[in-house]
Amino acid sequence: MSPGANPCLACGACCASLRVDFSRDELDEAGGRVPAGLTVDVTEHTCRMRGTDHTRPRCAALVGTVGVLAHCGIYEWRPSPCREFGTWAAVGVGDDACKRARARHGLPPLNPV
């Protein structure tokens, strides 16, 4: 799929709307791939992407301007919640969580192509 065909590659609303908690096993220092420097500890076994628990969430790995041109700076190493989030390719159009995230940023829902 070309970048122009996938609006997720330019949106970033989910990355600036949702809290992202995951197992510390996913951190690079534990043998995983997520850069530990971009996370904060939550418990002994879980961590959170830095910035996603702020009043106005914005993941520390998000690069660019939401709704204009935004992308994940660690896409290949992103944590499991980000990998599992409903994506354009998987659902063909933004799912309910995507629609809510886009609405938080004044963006219209995605429409089928």
C-alpha atoms as a PDB file:
ATOM      1  CA  MET A   1       0.000   0.000   0.000  1.00  0.00           C
ATOM      2  CA  SER A   2       1.389   3.404  -0.898  1.00  0.00           C
ATOM      3  CA  PRO A   3       1.703   6.004   1.882  1.00  0.00           C
ATOM      4  CA  GLY A   4      -0.956   8.121   0.186  1.00  0.00           C
ATOM      5  CA  ALA A   5      -3.435   5.249   0.396  1.00  0.00           C
ATOM      6  CA  ASN A   6      -3.006   4.850   4.159  1.00  0.00           C
ATOM      7  CA  PRO A   7      -4.272   7.877   6.134  1.00  0.00           C
ATOM      8  CA  CYS A   8      -2.780   6.418   9.340  1.00  0.00           C
ATOM      9  CA  LEU A   9       0.640   7.419   8.040  1.00  0.00           C
ATOM     10  CA  ALA A  10      -0.296  11.096   8.196  1.00  0.00           C
ATOM     11  CA  CYS A  11      -2.847  11.239  11.043  1.00  0.00           C
ATOM     12  CA  GLY A  12      -1.331  10.551  14.476  1.00  0.00           C
ATOM     13  CA  ALA A  13      -4.575  11.255  16.363  1.00  0.00           C
ATOM     14  CA  CYS A  14      -4.423   7.937  18.218  1.00  0.00           C
ATOM     15  CA  CYS A  15      -0.858   8.712  19.345  1.00  0.00           C
ATOM     16  CA  ALA A  16      -2.068  12.000  20.789  1.00  0.00           C
ATOM     17  CA  SER A  17      -5.199  10.629  22.472  1.00  0.00           C
ATOM     18  CA  LEU A  18      -4.575   7.279  24.144  1.00  0.00           C
ATOM     19  CA  ARG A  19      -2.628   5.986  27.146  1.00  0.00           C
ATOM     20  CA  VAL A  20      -0.210   3.237  26.100  1.00  0.00           C
ATOM     21  CA  ASP A  21       0.666   0.729  28.840  1.00  0.00           C
ATOM     22  CA  PHE A  22       2.487  -2.525  28.144  1.00  0.00           C
ATOM     23  CA  SER A  23       4.752  -5.173  29.653  1.00  0.00           C
ATOM     24  CA  ARG A  24       8.299  -4.186  30.596  1.00  0.00           C
ATOM     25  CA  ASP A  25       9.336  -7.349  28.698  1.00  0.00           C
ATOM     26  CA  GLU A  26       8.870  -5.325  25.498  1.00  0.00           C
ATOM     27  CA  LEU A  27      11.634  -2.858  26.432  1.00  0.00           C
ATOM     28  CA  ASP A  28      14.949  -3.031  24.600  1.00  0.00           C
ATOM     29  CA  GLU A  29      16.785  -3.385  27.910  1.00  0.00           C
ATOM     30  CA  ALA A  30      14.725  -6.541  28.616  1.00  0.00           C
ATOM     31  CA  GLY A  31      15.343  -8.095  25.201  1.00  0.00           C
ATOM     32  CA  GLY A  32      12.365  -6.437  23.505  1.00  0.00           C
ATOM     33  CA  ARG A  33      12.409  -3.631  20.972  1.00  0.00           C
ATOM     34  CA  VAL A  34      10.735  -0.576  22.542  1.00  0.00           C
ATOM     35  CA  PRO A  35      13.353   2.044  23.532  1.00  0.00           C
ATOM     36  CA  ALA A  36      13.260   2.236  27.338  1.00  0.00           C
ATOM     37  CA  GLY A  37      14.156   5.933  27.228  1.00  0.00           C
ATOM     38  CA  LEU A  38      10.735   6.695  25.750  1.00  0.00           C
ATOM     39  CA  THR A  39       8.846   5.086  28.640  1.00  0.00           C
ATOM     40  CA  VAL A  40       7.996   5.648  32.288  1.00  0.00           C
ATOM     41  CA  ASP A  41       7.487   2.963  34.925  1.00  0.00           C
ATOM     42  CA  VAL A  42       3.938   2.199  36.026  1.00  0.00           C
ATOM     43  CA  THR A  43       4.462  -0.925  38.143  1.00  0.00           C
ATOM     44  CA  GLU A  44       7.190  -3.513  38.551  1.00  0.00           C
ATOM     45  CA  HIS A  45       5.863  -5.279  35.449  1.00  0.00           C
ATOM     46  CA  THR A  46       4.353  -2.523  33.301  1.00  0.00           C
ATOM     47  CA  CYS A  47       5.477   0.711  31.735  1.00  0.00           C
ATOM     48  CA  ARG A  48       3.874   3.461  29.666  1.00  0.00           C
ATOM     49  CA  MET A  49       4.927   5.392  26.617  1.00  0.00           C
ATOM     50  CA  ARG A  50       6.164   8.745  27.883  1.00  0.00           C
ATOM     51  CA  GLY A  51       3.648  11.542  27.345  1.00  0.00           C
ATOM     52  CA  THR A  52       0.568   9.334  26.959  1.00  0.00           C
ATOM     53  CA  ASP A  53      -0.660   9.966  30.499  1.00  0.00           C
ATOM     54  CA  HIS A  54      -0.602  13.759  30.266  1.00  0.00           C
ATOM     55  CA  THR A  55      -3.806  15.791  30.374  1.00  0.00           C
ATOM     56  CA  ARG A  56      -3.290  16.367  26.661  1.00  0.00           C
ATOM     57  CA  PRO A  57      -1.668  13.059  25.686  1.00  0.00           C
ATOM     58  CA  ARG A  58       1.027  12.935  23.062  1.00  0.00           C
ATOM     59  CA  CYS A  59       3.314   9.957  22.753  1.00  0.00           C
ATOM     60  CA  ALA A  60       7.006  10.831  22.922  1.00  0.00           C
ATOM     61  CA  ALA A  61       7.541   8.761  19.765  1.00  0.00           C
ATOM     62  CA  LEU A  62       5.066  10.801  17.693  1.00  0.00           C
ATOM     63  CA  VAL A  63       6.766  12.963  15.081  1.00  0.00           C
ATOM     64  CA  GLY A  64       5.028  15.773  13.203  1.00  0.00           C
ATOM     65  CA  THR A  65       1.677  17.529  13.368  1.00  0.00           C
ATOM     66  CA  VAL A  66      -1.485  15.561  14.138  1.00  0.00           C
ATOM     67  CA  GLY A  67      -3.853  15.475  11.192  1.00  0.00           C
ATOM     68  CA  VAL A  68      -1.352  17.054   8.838  1.00  0.00           C
ATOM     69  CA  LEU A  69       1.704  14.854   8.642  1.00  0.00           C
ATOM     70  CA  ALA A  70       2.452  12.707  11.672  1.00  0.00           C
ATOM     71  CA  HIS A  71       4.070   9.334  12.115  1.00  0.00           C
ATOM     72  CA  CYS A  72       5.523   7.039  14.736  1.00  0.00           C
ATOM     73  CA  GLY A  73       9.249   7.589  15.127  1.00  0.00           C
ATOM     74  CA  ILE A  74       9.678   4.007  16.386  1.00  0.00           C
ATOM     75  CA  TYR A  75       7.114   2.306  14.143  1.00  0.00           C
ATOM     76  CA  GLU A  76       9.174  -0.877  13.694  1.00  0.00           C
ATOM     77  CA  TRP A  77       9.728  -1.067  17.476  1.00  0.00           C
ATOM     78  CA  ARG A  78       6.335   0.191  18.703  1.00  0.00           C
ATOM     79  CA  PRO A  79       4.747  -1.621  21.675  1.00  0.00           C
ATOM     80  CA  SER A  80       1.991  -4.220  21.425  1.00  0.00           C
ATOM     81  CA  PRO A  81      -0.966  -1.866  22.170  1.00  0.00           C
ATOM     82  CA  CYS A  82       0.067   0.217  19.162  1.00  0.00           C
ATOM     83  CA  ARG A  83       0.448  -2.885  16.996  1.00  0.00           C
ATOM     84  CA  GLU A  84      -2.989  -4.101  18.096  1.00  0.00           C
ATOM     85  CA  PHE A  85      -4.803  -0.784  17.585  1.00  0.00           C
ATOM     86  CA  GLY A  86      -7.329  -0.970  14.729  1.00  0.00           C
ATOM     87  CA  THR A  87      -5.498   0.117  11.617  1.00  0.00           C
ATOM     88  CA  TRP A  88      -6.643   1.219   8.208  1.00  0.00           C
ATOM     89  CA  ALA A  89      -5.237  -1.906   6.579  1.00  0.00           C
ATOM     90  CA  ALA A  90      -6.942  -4.222   9.075  1.00  0.00           C
ATOM     91  CA  VAL A  91     -10.423  -2.690   9.089  1.00  0.00           C
ATOM     92  CA  GLY A  92     -10.589  -0.814   5.787  1.00  0.00           C
ATOM     93  CA  VAL A  93     -11.768   2.322   7.565  1.00  0.00           C
ATOM     94  CA  GLY A  94     -11.147   3.864  10.972  1.00  0.00           C
ATOM     95  CA  ASP A  95     -12.752   1.884  13.807  1.00  0.00           C
ATOM     96  CA  ASP A  96     -14.642   3.470  16.742  1.00  0.00           C
ATOM     97  CA  ALA A  97     -11.473   4.167  18.751  1.00  0.00           C
ATOM     98  CA  CYS A  98      -9.939   5.816  15.680  1.00  0.00           C
ATOM     99  CA  LYS A  99     -13.065   7.932  15.158  1.00  0.00           C
ATOM    100  CA  ARG A 100     -12.997   9.093  18.799  1.00  0.00           C
ATOM    101  CA  ALA A 101      -9.285   9.955  18.621  1.00  0.00           C
ATOM    102  CA  ARG A 102      -9.768  11.894  15.391  1.00  0.00           C
ATOM    103  CA  ALA A 103     -12.776  13.753  16.855  1.00  0.00           C
ATOM    104  CA  ARG A 104     -10.629  14.854  19.850  1.00  0.00           C
ATOM    105  CA  HIS A 105      -8.434  16.659  17.341  1.00  0.00           C
ATOM    106  CA  GLY A 106     -11.266  18.105  15.254  1.00  0.00           C
ATOM    107  CA  LEU A 107     -10.666  15.631  12.414  1.00  0.00           C
ATOM    108  CA  PRO A 108     -13.485  13.974  10.500  1.00  0.00           C
ATOM    109  CA  PRO A 109     -13.863  10.180  10.574  1.00  0.00           C
ATOM    110  CA  LEU A 110     -12.076   8.248   7.881  1.00  0.00           C
ATOM    111  CA  ASN A 111     -14.220   7.172   4.960  1.00  0.00           C
ATOM    112  CA  PRO A 112     -13.850   4.044   2.843  1.00  0.00           C
ATOM    113  CA  VAL A 113     -11.846   4.559  -0.343  1.00  0.00           C
END
